[in-house]
Amino acid sequence: MLMALLFNTNDQIVAAGPACDQVPYGDRYWFEYHEAHVDSGETLRTAYMMIADPDLQSRLLMAGIDDSVDGSILAKEIEAQIAPNYLTDKAA
């Protein structure tokens, strides 16, 4: 699923949603249409990423809605997926 991920300045995921839902509304989506608790005074940025793991998709969709979902942990999981994996002593 192509997802829109909303990050704050601490690189924490504040909210997430399917990218197709967010696109027509732009920035208004997060403040007017998404049910997450988003502080409009914060500096926020949106990233788009393909998320294949259904468990990660469901946890991302709960970010900002369910207080038990930790956005900083989600951000670290996302970062681990996009970081290159280096193998020592191996040819490319």
C-alpha atoms as a PDB file:
ATOM      1  CA  MET A   1       0.000   0.000   0.000  1.00  0.00           C
ATOM      2  CA  LEU A   2       1.295   3.460  -0.865  1.00  0.00           C
ATOM      3  CA  MET A   3       1.048   5.425   2.365  1.00  0.00           C
ATOM      4  CA  ALA A   4       1.390   9.062   3.356  1.00  0.00           C
ATOM      5  CA  LEU A   5       3.416   9.334   6.573  1.00  0.00           C
ATOM      6  CA  LEU A   6       3.270  12.554   8.612  1.00  0.00           C
ATOM      7  CA  PHE A   7       6.480  13.302  10.549  1.00  0.00           C
ATOM      8  CA  ASN A   8       7.166  15.990  13.142  1.00  0.00           C
ATOM      9  CA  THR A   9      10.492  17.768  13.680  1.00  0.00           C
ATOM     10  CA  ASN A  10      11.629  14.979  16.054  1.00  0.00           C
ATOM     11  CA  ASP A  11      11.352  12.463  13.176  1.00  0.00           C
ATOM     12  CA  GLN A  12       8.402  10.827  14.898  1.00  0.00           C
ATOM     13  CA  ILE A  13       5.456   9.565  12.870  1.00  0.00           C
ATOM     14  CA  VAL A  14       2.459  11.601  14.002  1.00  0.00           C
ATOM     15  CA  ALA A  15      -0.132  10.104  11.649  1.00  0.00           C
ATOM     16  CA  ALA A  16      -0.405   7.956   8.537  1.00  0.00           C
ATOM     17  CA  GLY A  17      -2.991   7.221   5.904  1.00  0.00           C
ATOM     18  CA  PRO A  18      -3.378   5.760   2.442  1.00  0.00           C
ATOM     19  CA  ALA A  19      -1.701   8.164   0.018  1.00  0.00           C
ATOM     20  CA  CYS A  20      -4.714   8.178  -2.299  1.00  0.00           C
ATOM     21  CA  ASP A  21      -6.888   9.621   0.496  1.00  0.00           C
ATOM     22  CA  GLN A  22      -4.449  12.417   1.298  1.00  0.00           C
ATOM     23  CA  VAL A  23      -3.565  13.656  -2.187  1.00  0.00           C
ATOM     24  CA  PRO A  24      -6.798  15.487  -3.143  1.00  0.00           C
ATOM     25  CA  TYR A  25      -6.857  17.473   0.109  1.00  0.00           C
ATOM     26  CA  GLY A  26      -3.162  18.291   0.494  1.00  0.00           C
ATOM     27  CA  ASP A  27      -2.176  19.615   3.927  1.00  0.00           C
ATOM     28  CA  ARG A  28      -5.845  20.093   4.905  1.00  0.00           C
ATOM     29  CA  TYR A  29      -6.197  16.301   5.026  1.00  0.00           C
ATOM     30  CA  TRP A  30      -4.232  15.957   8.256  1.00  0.00           C
ATOM     31  CA  PHE A  31      -6.054  18.759  10.068  1.00  0.00           C
ATOM     32  CA  GLU A  32      -9.598  18.479   8.709  1.00  0.00           C
ATOM     33  CA  TYR A  33     -10.185  14.913   7.485  1.00  0.00           C
ATOM     34  CA  HIS A  34      -7.849  12.540   9.332  1.00  0.00           C
ATOM     35  CA  GLU A  35      -8.980  11.435  12.781  1.00  0.00           C
ATOM     36  CA  ALA A  36      -5.501  11.557  14.344  1.00  0.00           C
ATOM     37  CA  HIS A  37      -4.716  14.239  16.912  1.00  0.00           C
ATOM     38  CA  VAL A  38      -2.415  16.532  14.929  1.00  0.00           C
ATOM     39  CA  ASP A  39      -1.089  19.782  16.413  1.00  0.00           C
ATOM     40  CA  SER A  40      -1.498  22.451  13.729  1.00  0.00           C
ATOM     41  CA  GLY A  41       1.180  24.618  15.384  1.00  0.00           C
ATOM     42  CA  GLU A  42       3.911  22.033  14.806  1.00  0.00           C
ATOM     43  CA  THR A  43       6.196  21.944  11.787  1.00  0.00           C
ATOM     44  CA  LEU A  44       5.215  18.758   9.966  1.00  0.00           C
ATOM     45  CA  ARG A  45       6.247  17.040   6.749  1.00  0.00           C
ATOM     46  CA  THR A  46       4.696  14.298   4.678  1.00  0.00           C
ATOM     47  CA  ALA A  47       6.616  11.413   3.137  1.00  0.00           C
ATOM     48  CA  TYR A  48       5.209   8.815   0.761  1.00  0.00           C
ATOM     49  CA  MET A  49       6.320   5.208   0.977  1.00  0.00           C
ATOM     50  CA  MET A  50       5.207   1.797  -0.220  1.00  0.00           C
ATOM     51  CA  ILE A  51       4.511  -0.372   2.839  1.00  0.00           C
ATOM     52  CA  ALA A  52       4.102  -4.083   2.064  1.00  0.00           C
ATOM     53  CA  ASP A  53       3.895  -5.503   5.606  1.00  0.00           C
ATOM     54  CA  PRO A  54       0.193  -5.683   6.652  1.00  0.00           C
ATOM     55  CA  ASP A  55       1.085  -5.526  10.378  1.00  0.00           C
ATOM     56  CA  LEU A  56       3.143  -2.373   9.880  1.00  0.00           C
ATOM     57  CA  GLN A  57       0.363  -0.877   7.734  1.00  0.00           C
ATOM     58  CA  SER A  58      -2.206  -1.372  10.491  1.00  0.00           C
ATOM     59  CA  ARG A  59       0.093   0.044  13.187  1.00  0.00           C
ATOM     60  CA  LEU A  60       0.863   3.075  11.006  1.00  0.00           C
ATOM     61  CA  LEU A  61      -2.838   3.704  10.427  1.00  0.00           C
ATOM     62  CA  MET A  62      -3.349   3.800  14.210  1.00  0.00           C
ATOM     63  CA  ALA A  63      -0.580   6.387  14.778  1.00  0.00           C
ATOM     64  CA  GLY A  64      -2.067   9.500  16.327  1.00  0.00           C
ATOM     65  CA  ILE A  65      -5.335   7.704  17.077  1.00  0.00           C
ATOM     66  CA  ASP A  66      -4.264   4.988  19.520  1.00  0.00           C
ATOM     67  CA  ASP A  67      -2.027   6.306  22.315  1.00  0.00           C
ATOM     68  CA  SER A  68      -0.349   2.913  22.690  1.00  0.00           C
ATOM     69  CA  VAL A  69       1.230   3.246  19.216  1.00  0.00           C
ATOM     70  CA  ASP A  70       4.657   4.874  19.532  1.00  0.00           C
ATOM     71  CA  GLY A  71       5.452   6.993  16.474  1.00  0.00           C
ATOM     72  CA  SER A  72       9.171   7.082  17.198  1.00  0.00           C
ATOM     73  CA  ILE A  73       9.356   3.276  17.137  1.00  0.00           C
ATOM     74  CA  LEU A  74       7.407   3.223  13.868  1.00  0.00           C
ATOM     75  CA  ALA A  75       9.801   5.774  12.374  1.00  0.00           C
ATOM     76  CA  LYS A  76      12.780   3.590  13.340  1.00  0.00           C
ATOM     77  CA  GLU A  77      11.138   0.555  11.712  1.00  0.00           C
ATOM     78  CA  ILE A  78      10.538   2.537   8.521  1.00  0.00           C
ATOM     79  CA  GLU A  79      14.113   3.840   8.580  1.00  0.00           C
ATOM     80  CA  ALA A  80      15.449   0.297   8.946  1.00  0.00           C
ATOM     81  CA  GLN A  81      13.509  -0.742   5.839  1.00  0.00           C
ATOM     82  CA  ILE A  82      14.942   1.996   3.658  1.00  0.00           C
ATOM     83  CA  ALA A  83      18.511   1.952   4.997  1.00  0.00           C
ATOM     84  CA  PRO A  84      20.979   0.092   2.779  1.00  0.00           C
ATOM     85  CA  ASN A  85      22.242  -3.209   4.090  1.00  0.00           C
ATOM     86  CA  TYR A  86      26.015  -3.482   3.903  1.00  0.00           C
ATOM     87  CA  LEU A  87      27.783  -6.822   3.925  1.00  0.00           C
ATOM     88  CA  THR A  88      31.425  -6.787   4.862  1.00  0.00           C
ATOM     89  CA  ASP A  89      33.871  -8.782   2.735  1.00  0.00           C
ATOM     90  CA  LYS A  90      31.274  -9.281  -0.018  1.00  0.00           C
ATOM     91  CA  ALA A  91      31.398  -8.057  -3.592  1.00  0.00           C
ATOM     92  CA  ALA A  92      28.417  -6.171  -4.932  1.00  0.00           C
END
